[in-house]
């Protein structure tokens, strides 16, 4: 189980980092970041659940699918045994993840291309205001916290490099939400 060993190793590095007096102050920032991730997960689940419970959303997905399969397409989607519930889950996922286009090898490629704006408008309707606003607020909050934490870590790394007179290792800047 190398995955567990690796996870344990990372946890050990994290605990060592926080225990070192050189790194004071980061525990609160990491906790704030983790709390923000939890809030985002909760708001995503709330938005998704709101979509899945909505009769108007379910009806719109079902109607769009019926319209889609009634017309000739190159896609195998018309012969699928996909349920309205599973299709609605895909549509909800794509909306929440702001998927513009699906690659052509996706079975839902054409269906999504033809219907995404209709679904997007529905998800942006008053019916979903509370869940959508909570989700967008949580995304924005996590983005700000992540960028502040990244900035503080870069500054800290620079100070440590200067203090111990060592060159900085190349920083692998990973794309942060909204960047």
C-alpha atoms as a PDB file:
ATOM      1  CA  UNK A   1       0.000   0.000   0.000  1.00  0.00           C
ATOM      2  CA  UNK A   2       2.404   2.714  -1.118  1.00  0.00           C
ATOM      3  CA  UNK A   3      -0.448   5.220  -1.204  1.00  0.00           C
ATOM      4  CA  UNK A   4      -0.932   4.999   2.568  1.00  0.00           C
ATOM      5  CA  UNK A   5       2.789   5.202   3.202  1.00  0.00           C
ATOM      6  CA  UNK A   6       3.017   8.294   1.015  1.00  0.00           C
ATOM      7  CA  UNK A   7       0.070   9.896   2.790  1.00  0.00           C
ATOM      8  CA  UNK A   8       1.621   9.101   6.168  1.00  0.00           C
ATOM      9  CA  UNK A   9       4.898  10.570   4.958  1.00  0.00           C
ATOM     10  CA  UNK A  10       3.193  13.799   3.862  1.00  0.00           C
ATOM     11  CA  UNK A  11       1.393  14.036   7.198  1.00  0.00           C
ATOM     12  CA  UNK A  12       4.726  13.629   8.955  1.00  0.00           C
ATOM     13  CA  UNK A  13       6.287  16.379   6.848  1.00  0.00           C
ATOM     14  CA  UNK A  14       3.316  18.629   7.585  1.00  0.00           C
ATOM     15  CA  UNK A  15       3.562  17.984  11.330  1.00  0.00           C
ATOM     16  CA  UNK A  16       7.334  18.555  11.247  1.00  0.00           C
ATOM     17  CA  UNK A  17       6.800  21.821   9.363  1.00  0.00           C
ATOM     18  CA  UNK A  18       4.306  23.075  11.930  1.00  0.00           C
ATOM     19  CA  UNK A  19       6.466  21.977  14.886  1.00  0.00           C
ATOM     20  CA  UNK A  20       9.519  23.900  13.676  1.00  0.00           C
ATOM     21  CA  UNK A  21       9.775  27.326  15.356  1.00  0.00           C
ATOM     22  CA  UNK A  22      10.900  28.786  12.014  1.00  0.00           C
ATOM     23  CA  UNK A  23       7.382  28.156  10.697  1.00  0.00           C
ATOM     24  CA  UNK A  24       5.266  29.711  13.422  1.00  0.00           C
ATOM     25  CA  UNK A  25       1.945  31.140  12.312  1.00  0.00           C
ATOM     26  CA  UNK A  26       1.211  28.774   9.476  1.00  0.00           C
ATOM     27  CA  UNK A  27      -1.031  26.420  11.477  1.00  0.00           C
ATOM     28  CA  UNK A  28      -3.792  29.040  11.615  1.00  0.00           C
ATOM     29  CA  UNK A  29      -3.492  29.741   7.892  1.00  0.00           C
ATOM     30  CA  UNK A  30      -3.616  26.030   7.037  1.00  0.00           C
ATOM     31  CA  UNK A  31      -6.640  25.594   9.311  1.00  0.00           C
ATOM     32  CA  UNK A  32      -8.342  28.574   7.677  1.00  0.00           C
ATOM     33  CA  UNK A  33      -7.641  27.051   4.258  1.00  0.00           C
ATOM     34  CA  UNK A  34      -8.972  23.638   5.339  1.00  0.00           C
ATOM     35  CA  UNK A  35     -12.098  25.234   6.779  1.00  0.00           C
ATOM     36  CA  UNK A  36     -12.631  27.106   3.519  1.00  0.00           C
ATOM     37  CA  UNK A  37     -12.285  23.855   1.560  1.00  0.00           C
ATOM     38  CA  UNK A  38     -14.920  22.279   3.818  1.00  0.00           C
ATOM     39  CA  UNK A  39     -17.249  25.242   3.249  1.00  0.00           C
ATOM     40  CA  UNK A  40     -16.770  24.921  -0.509  1.00  0.00           C
ATOM     41  CA  UNK A  41     -17.487  21.190  -0.393  1.00  0.00           C
ATOM     42  CA  UNK A  42     -20.645  21.869   1.609  1.00  0.00           C
ATOM     43  CA  UNK A  43     -21.819  24.605  -0.745  1.00  0.00           C
ATOM     44  CA  UNK A  44     -21.085  22.458  -3.809  1.00  0.00           C
ATOM     45  CA  UNK A  45     -23.117  19.642  -2.298  1.00  0.00           C
ATOM     46  CA  UNK A  46     -25.933  22.066  -1.468  1.00  0.00           C
ATOM     47  CA  UNK A  47     -26.009  23.447  -4.998  1.00  0.00           C
ATOM     48  CA  UNK A  48     -25.854  19.982  -6.537  1.00  0.00           C
ATOM     49  CA  UNK A  49     -28.550  18.629  -4.202  1.00  0.00           C
ATOM     50  CA  UNK A  50     -30.739  21.633  -5.004  1.00  0.00           C
ATOM     51  CA  UNK A  51     -30.433  20.874  -8.703  1.00  0.00           C
ATOM     52  CA  UNK A  52     -31.176  17.181  -8.154  1.00  0.00           C
ATOM     53  CA  UNK A  53     -34.276  17.903  -6.023  1.00  0.00           C
ATOM     54  CA  UNK A  54     -35.670  20.448  -8.472  1.00  0.00           C
ATOM     55  CA  UNK A  55     -38.611  19.303 -10.566  1.00  0.00           C
ATOM     56  CA  UNK A  56     -37.945  22.077 -13.099  1.00  0.00           C
ATOM     57  CA  UNK A  57     -34.324  20.971 -13.507  1.00  0.00           C
ATOM     58  CA  UNK A  58     -35.247  17.297 -13.827  1.00  0.00           C
ATOM     59  CA  UNK A  59     -38.033  18.118 -16.293  1.00  0.00           C
ATOM     60  CA  UNK A  60     -35.727  20.310 -18.381  1.00  0.00           C
ATOM     61  CA  UNK A  61     -33.068  17.590 -18.548  1.00  0.00           C
ATOM     62  CA  UNK A  62     -35.641  14.948 -19.459  1.00  0.00           C
ATOM     63  CA  UNK A  63     -37.259  17.170 -22.138  1.00  0.00           C
ATOM     64  CA  UNK A  64     -33.885  18.123 -23.601  1.00  0.00           C
ATOM     65  CA  UNK A  65     -32.888  14.474 -23.777  1.00  0.00           C
ATOM     66  CA  UNK A  66     -36.187  13.493 -25.439  1.00  0.00           C
ATOM     67  CA  UNK A  67     -35.756  16.274 -27.987  1.00  0.00           C
ATOM     68  CA  UNK A  68     -32.165  15.233 -28.571  1.00  0.00           C
ATOM     69  CA  UNK A  69     -32.893  11.551 -29.189  1.00  0.00           C
ATOM     70  CA  UNK A  70     -35.862  12.390 -31.443  1.00  0.00           C
ATOM     71  CA  UNK A  71     -33.443  13.906 -33.979  1.00  0.00           C
ATOM     72  CA  UNK A  72     -30.761  11.973 -35.870  1.00  0.00           C
ATOM     73  CA  UNK A  73     -27.258  12.306 -34.382  1.00  0.00           C
ATOM     74  CA  UNK A  74     -23.944  10.593 -34.916  1.00  0.00           C
ATOM     75  CA  UNK A  75     -23.774   9.996 -31.185  1.00  0.00           C
ATOM     76  CA  UNK A  76     -24.551   6.662 -29.563  1.00  0.00           C
ATOM     77  CA  UNK A  77     -26.378   8.578 -26.830  1.00  0.00           C
ATOM     78  CA  UNK A  78     -29.773   7.907 -28.371  1.00  0.00           C
ATOM     79  CA  UNK A  79     -29.324   4.166 -27.859  1.00  0.00           C
ATOM     80  CA  UNK A  80     -28.110   4.470 -24.290  1.00  0.00           C
ATOM     81  CA  UNK A  81     -29.922   3.161 -21.264  1.00  0.00           C
ATOM     82  CA  UNK A  82     -28.986   6.250 -19.278  1.00  0.00           C
ATOM     83  CA  UNK A  83     -31.642   7.227 -16.765  1.00  0.00           C
ATOM     84  CA  UNK A  84     -32.917  10.764 -16.349  1.00  0.00           C
ATOM     85  CA  UNK A  85     -31.408  10.755 -12.857  1.00  0.00           C
ATOM     86  CA  UNK A  86     -27.915   9.815 -14.056  1.00  0.00           C
ATOM     87  CA  UNK A  87     -28.132  12.295 -16.935  1.00  0.00           C
ATOM     88  CA  UNK A  88     -29.226  15.028 -14.508  1.00  0.00           C
ATOM     89  CA  UNK A  89     -26.208  14.207 -12.322  1.00  0.00           C
ATOM     90  CA  UNK A  90     -23.855  14.633 -15.283  1.00  0.00           C
ATOM     91  CA  UNK A  91     -25.523  17.921 -16.215  1.00  0.00           C
ATOM     92  CA  UNK A  92     -25.284  19.144 -12.607  1.00  0.00           C
ATOM     93  CA  UNK A  93     -21.603  18.174 -12.466  1.00  0.00           C
ATOM     94  CA  UNK A  94     -20.851  19.980 -15.723  1.00  0.00           C
ATOM     95  CA  UNK A  95     -22.670  23.102 -14.542  1.00  0.00           C
ATOM     96  CA  UNK A  96     -20.898  23.228 -11.193  1.00  0.00           C
ATOM     97  CA  UNK A  97     -17.518  22.618 -12.820  1.00  0.00           C
ATOM     98  CA  UNK A  98     -18.218  25.298 -15.463  1.00  0.00           C
ATOM     99  CA  UNK A  99     -17.585  22.865 -18.295  1.00  0.00           C
ATOM    100  CA  UNK A 100     -17.740  24.673 -21.608  1.00  0.00           C
ATOM    101  CA  UNK A 101     -17.112  21.877 -24.068  1.00  0.00           C
ATOM    102  CA  UNK A 102     -16.710  18.161 -23.712  1.00  0.00           C
ATOM    103  CA  UNK A 103     -14.204  16.325 -25.846  1.00  0.00           C
ATOM    104  CA  UNK A 104     -15.775  14.538 -28.783  1.00  0.00           C
ATOM    105  CA  UNK A 105     -15.141  11.101 -27.310  1.00  0.00           C
ATOM    106  CA  UNK A 106     -17.620  11.833 -24.492  1.00  0.00           C
ATOM    107  CA  UNK A 107     -21.012  10.289 -25.173  1.00  0.00           C
ATOM    108  CA  UNK A 108     -22.672  13.486 -23.956  1.00  0.00           C
ATOM    109  CA  UNK A 109     -20.558  15.760 -26.177  1.00  0.00           C
ATOM    110  CA  UNK A 110     -23.270  16.772 -28.658  1.00  0.00           C
ATOM    111  CA  UNK A 111     -26.062  16.766 -26.078  1.00  0.00           C
ATOM    112  CA  UNK A 112     -24.063  19.078 -23.816  1.00  0.00           C
ATOM    113  CA  UNK A 113     -23.063  21.352 -26.704  1.00  0.00           C
ATOM    114  CA  UNK A 114     -26.672  21.736 -27.788  1.00  0.00           C
ATOM    115  CA  UNK A 115     -28.141  22.240 -24.307  1.00  0.00           C
ATOM    116  CA  UNK A 116     -25.514  23.729 -21.988  1.00  0.00           C
ATOM    117  CA  UNK A 117     -26.768  27.310 -22.311  1.00  0.00           C
ATOM    118  CA  UNK A 118     -30.329  26.260 -21.501  1.00  0.00           C
ATOM    119  CA  UNK A 119     -29.107  24.376 -18.438  1.00  0.00           C
ATOM    120  CA  UNK A 120     -26.823  27.243 -17.440  1.00  0.00           C
ATOM    121  CA  UNK A 121     -29.698  29.739 -17.604  1.00  0.00           C
ATOM    122  CA  UNK A 122     -31.831  27.429 -15.471  1.00  0.00           C
ATOM    123  CA  UNK A 123     -29.038  27.031 -12.890  1.00  0.00           C
ATOM    124  CA  UNK A 124     -28.728  30.837 -12.813  1.00  0.00           C
ATOM    125  CA  UNK A 125     -32.451  31.296 -12.229  1.00  0.00           C
ATOM    126  CA  UNK A 126     -33.995  32.624  -9.032  1.00  0.00           C
ATOM    127  CA  UNK A 127     -34.854  29.076  -7.978  1.00  0.00           C
ATOM    128  CA  UNK A 128     -31.183  28.360  -7.283  1.00  0.00           C
ATOM    129  CA  UNK A 129     -30.078  31.823  -6.096  1.00  0.00           C
ATOM    130  CA  UNK A 130     -29.284  30.833  -2.530  1.00  0.00           C
ATOM    131  CA  UNK A 131     -27.291  27.706  -3.396  1.00  0.00           C
ATOM    132  CA  UNK A 132     -25.502  29.344  -6.329  1.00  0.00           C
ATOM    133  CA  UNK A 133     -24.537  32.441  -4.341  1.00  0.00           C
ATOM    134  CA  UNK A 134     -23.277  30.292  -1.467  1.00  0.00           C
ATOM    135  CA  UNK A 135     -21.218  28.265  -3.935  1.00  0.00           C
ATOM    136  CA  UNK A 136     -19.757  31.324  -5.692  1.00  0.00           C
ATOM    137  CA  UNK A 137     -18.959  32.974  -2.356  1.00  0.00           C
ATOM    138  CA  UNK A 138     -17.182  29.809  -1.159  1.00  0.00           C
ATOM    139  CA  UNK A 139     -15.172  29.611  -4.407  1.00  0.00           C
ATOM    140  CA  UNK A 140     -14.142  33.257  -4.081  1.00  0.00           C
ATOM    141  CA  UNK A 141     -13.230  32.828  -0.418  1.00  0.00           C
ATOM    142  CA  UNK A 142     -11.105  29.738  -1.087  1.00  0.00           C
ATOM    143  CA  UNK A 143      -9.388  31.475  -3.997  1.00  0.00           C
ATOM    144  CA  UNK A 144      -8.466  34.461  -1.799  1.00  0.00           C
ATOM    145  CA  UNK A 145      -7.305  32.306   1.110  1.00  0.00           C
ATOM    146  CA  UNK A 146      -5.282  30.051  -1.196  1.00  0.00           C
ATOM    147  CA  UNK A 147      -3.581  32.969  -2.904  1.00  0.00           C
ATOM    148  CA  UNK A 148      -2.750  34.611   0.436  1.00  0.00           C
ATOM    149  CA  UNK A 149      -1.365  31.350   1.772  1.00  0.00           C
ATOM    150  CA  UNK A 150       0.691  30.839  -1.378  1.00  0.00           C
ATOM    151  CA  UNK A 151       2.074  34.350  -1.091  1.00  0.00           C
ATOM    152  CA  UNK A 152       2.983  33.840   2.586  1.00  0.00           C
ATOM    153  CA  UNK A 153       4.657  30.521   1.810  1.00  0.00           C
ATOM    154  CA  UNK A 154       6.685  32.075  -1.004  1.00  0.00           C
ATOM    155  CA  UNK A 155       7.768  34.934   1.280  1.00  0.00           C
ATOM    156  CA  UNK A 156       8.638  32.457   4.014  1.00  0.00           C
ATOM    157  CA  UNK A 157      10.680  30.360   1.592  1.00  0.00           C
ATOM    158  CA  UNK A 158      12.541  33.484   0.434  1.00  0.00           C
ATOM    159  CA  UNK A 159      13.320  34.475   4.055  1.00  0.00           C
ATOM    160  CA  UNK A 160      14.567  30.965   4.877  1.00  0.00           C
ATOM    161  CA  UNK A 161      16.740  30.884   1.761  1.00  0.00           C
ATOM    162  CA  UNK A 162      18.294  34.211   2.709  1.00  0.00           C
ATOM    163  CA  UNK A 163      18.719  33.257   6.374  1.00  0.00           C
ATOM    164  CA  UNK A 164      20.416  29.944   5.599  1.00  0.00           C
ATOM    165  CA  UNK A 165      22.124  31.185   2.430  1.00  0.00           C
ATOM    166  CA  UNK A 166      20.731  28.490   0.163  1.00  0.00           C
ATOM    167  CA  UNK A 167      19.288  28.837  -3.317  1.00  0.00           C
ATOM    168  CA  UNK A 168      15.564  28.373  -3.692  1.00  0.00           C
ATOM    169  CA  UNK A 169      14.451  25.223  -5.429  1.00  0.00           C
ATOM    170  CA  UNK A 170      12.296  25.874  -8.467  1.00  0.00           C
ATOM    171  CA  UNK A 171       8.756  26.545  -7.341  1.00  0.00           C
ATOM    172  CA  UNK A 172       6.111  24.534  -9.129  1.00  0.00           C
ATOM    173  CA  UNK A 173       3.277  27.031  -9.268  1.00  0.00           C
ATOM    174  CA  UNK A 174       0.066  25.063  -9.539  1.00  0.00           C
ATOM    175  CA  UNK A 175      -2.944  26.795 -11.014  1.00  0.00           C
ATOM    176  CA  UNK A 176      -5.197  28.082  -8.268  1.00  0.00           C
ATOM    177  CA  UNK A 177      -8.936  28.524  -8.757  1.00  0.00           C
ATOM    178  CA  UNK A 178      -9.555  31.765 -10.570  1.00  0.00           C
ATOM    179  CA  UNK A 179      -5.919  32.251 -11.562  1.00  0.00           C
END
